[in-house]
Protein backbone atom coordinates (compact mmCIF):
# COMPACT_ATOMS: atom_id res chain seq x y z
CA ALA A 1 -5.75 11.96 -28.30
CA GLY A 2 -7.85 11.07 -25.26
CA ARG A 3 -9.09 14.62 -24.73
CA ALA A 4 -10.07 14.96 -28.39
CA LEU A 5 -11.92 11.65 -28.22
CA LEU A 6 -13.87 12.80 -25.16
CA ARG A 7 -14.79 16.07 -26.90
CA ARG A 8 -15.91 14.20 -30.03
CA CYS A 9 -18.23 12.09 -27.88
CA GLY A 10 -19.68 15.11 -26.12
CA ARG A 11 -17.80 14.67 -22.83
CA ASP A 12 -15.91 17.39 -20.98
CA PRO A 13 -12.23 16.34 -21.08
CA ASP A 14 -11.62 18.07 -17.73
CA ASP A 15 -14.37 16.13 -15.93
CA VAL A 16 -12.64 13.33 -14.05
CA SER A 17 -15.58 12.64 -11.73
CA THR A 18 -16.33 9.23 -13.22
CA MET A 19 -14.96 6.51 -15.43
CA VAL A 20 -15.75 6.83 -19.12
CA LEU A 21 -15.54 3.97 -21.63
CA ILE A 22 -15.67 4.89 -25.31
CA GLU A 23 -16.12 1.94 -27.66
CA SER A 24 -14.63 1.78 -31.14
CA ASP A 25 -18.04 2.75 -32.60
CA ASP A 26 -18.10 5.88 -30.36
CA ARG A 27 -20.71 4.48 -27.96
CA VAL A 28 -20.07 6.04 -24.55
CA TYR A 29 -20.59 4.32 -21.21
CA VAL A 30 -20.11 5.94 -17.81
CA LYS A 31 -20.16 5.02 -14.14
CA THR A 32 -20.98 1.40 -13.29
CA GLU A 33 -21.80 0.46 -16.88
CA ALA A 34 -18.27 1.44 -17.96
CA ILE A 35 -16.66 -0.37 -15.03
CA LEU A 36 -18.68 -3.55 -15.46
CA ARG A 37 -18.06 -3.67 -19.22
CA VAL A 38 -14.29 -3.46 -18.67
CA VAL A 39 -14.33 -6.14 -15.96
CA THR A 40 -16.57 -8.39 -18.09
CA ARG A 41 -14.05 -8.21 -20.94
CA ALA A 42 -11.22 -9.10 -18.58
CA GLY A 43 -12.88 -12.49 -18.17
CA GLY A 44 -12.46 -15.04 -15.45
CA ALA A 45 -14.74 -15.44 -12.46
CA LEU A 46 -14.84 -11.70 -11.80
CA GLY A 47 -15.81 -11.07 -15.42
CA THR A 48 -18.63 -13.58 -15.14
CA LEU A 49 -19.85 -11.91 -11.95
CA ALA A 50 -19.66 -8.46 -13.57
CA SER A 51 -21.70 -9.70 -16.52
CA ALA A 52 -24.35 -11.14 -14.20
CA VAL A 53 -24.57 -7.84 -12.31
CA ARG A 54 -24.88 -5.89 -15.58
CA TRP A 55 -27.85 -7.98 -16.67
CA SER A 56 -29.62 -8.40 -13.33
CA VAL A 57 -29.28 -5.05 -11.53
CA PRO A 58 -30.78 -1.90 -13.10
CA VAL A 59 -28.30 0.87 -13.94
CA ALA A 60 -29.99 3.38 -11.63
CA VAL A 61 -29.68 1.00 -8.68
CA ARG A 62 -26.02 0.16 -9.47
CA ASP A 63 -25.06 3.81 -9.85
CA PHE A 64 -26.87 4.79 -6.64
CA VAL A 65 -25.19 2.04 -4.60
CA TYR A 66 -21.79 2.85 -6.10
CA SER A 67 -22.10 6.59 -5.44
CA ARG A 68 -23.33 6.12 -1.86
CA ALA A 69 -21.35 3.11 -0.62
CA ILE A 70 -18.32 2.39 -2.82
CA ALA A 71 -17.09 5.73 -4.17
CA PRO A 72 -16.86 7.48 -0.77
CA ASN A 73 -14.85 4.54 0.60
CA ARG A 74 -12.79 3.58 -2.44
CA HIS A 75 -9.45 4.62 -0.92
CA ARG A 76 -10.17 2.51 2.14
CA PHE A 77 -11.09 -0.49 -0.06
CA PHE A 78 -8.41 -0.16 -2.76
CA GLY A 79 -5.73 2.06 -1.22
CA LYS A 80 -4.42 5.41 -2.33
CA THR A 81 -1.15 6.47 -3.92
CA ASP A 82 0.38 9.90 -4.45
CA GLN A 83 0.85 9.33 -8.17
CA CYS A 84 -0.56 7.24 -10.98
CA GLN A 85 1.21 4.06 -11.96
CA ARG A 86 2.83 4.14 -15.40
CA PRO A 87 1.93 1.18 -17.58
CA PRO A 88 4.82 -1.05 -18.63
CA ALA A 89 6.18 -0.54 -22.14
CA SER A 90 4.38 -3.67 -23.34
CA LEU A 91 1.00 -2.06 -22.54
CA ARG A 92 1.59 1.62 -23.36
CA ALA A 93 0.10 1.33 -26.84
CA ARG A 94 -3.27 0.47 -25.23
CA PHE A 95 -3.46 3.82 -23.40
CA LEU A 96 -4.36 7.26 -24.76
CA ASP A 97 -2.47 10.46 -23.92
């Protein structure tokens, strides 16, 4: 289902180089815009901060900083595992295959 959705929106389903957010109306967001939209929806203080960054920092600047400073160091910042975590049964319906 996920691969078909990516194809329908003009994305290569084998390209895992960045995060992709596809809204229910088929609008597609990538890179920092996708990340910040997800975090904004999560709410809380981090969501408020993400929303402020979305509205105050131009996309080109955000994507440049992310690709040069955060992405190359993400494993150092967030850790690395040998396999992906499986969502608990209560959340599986929210994920695409």
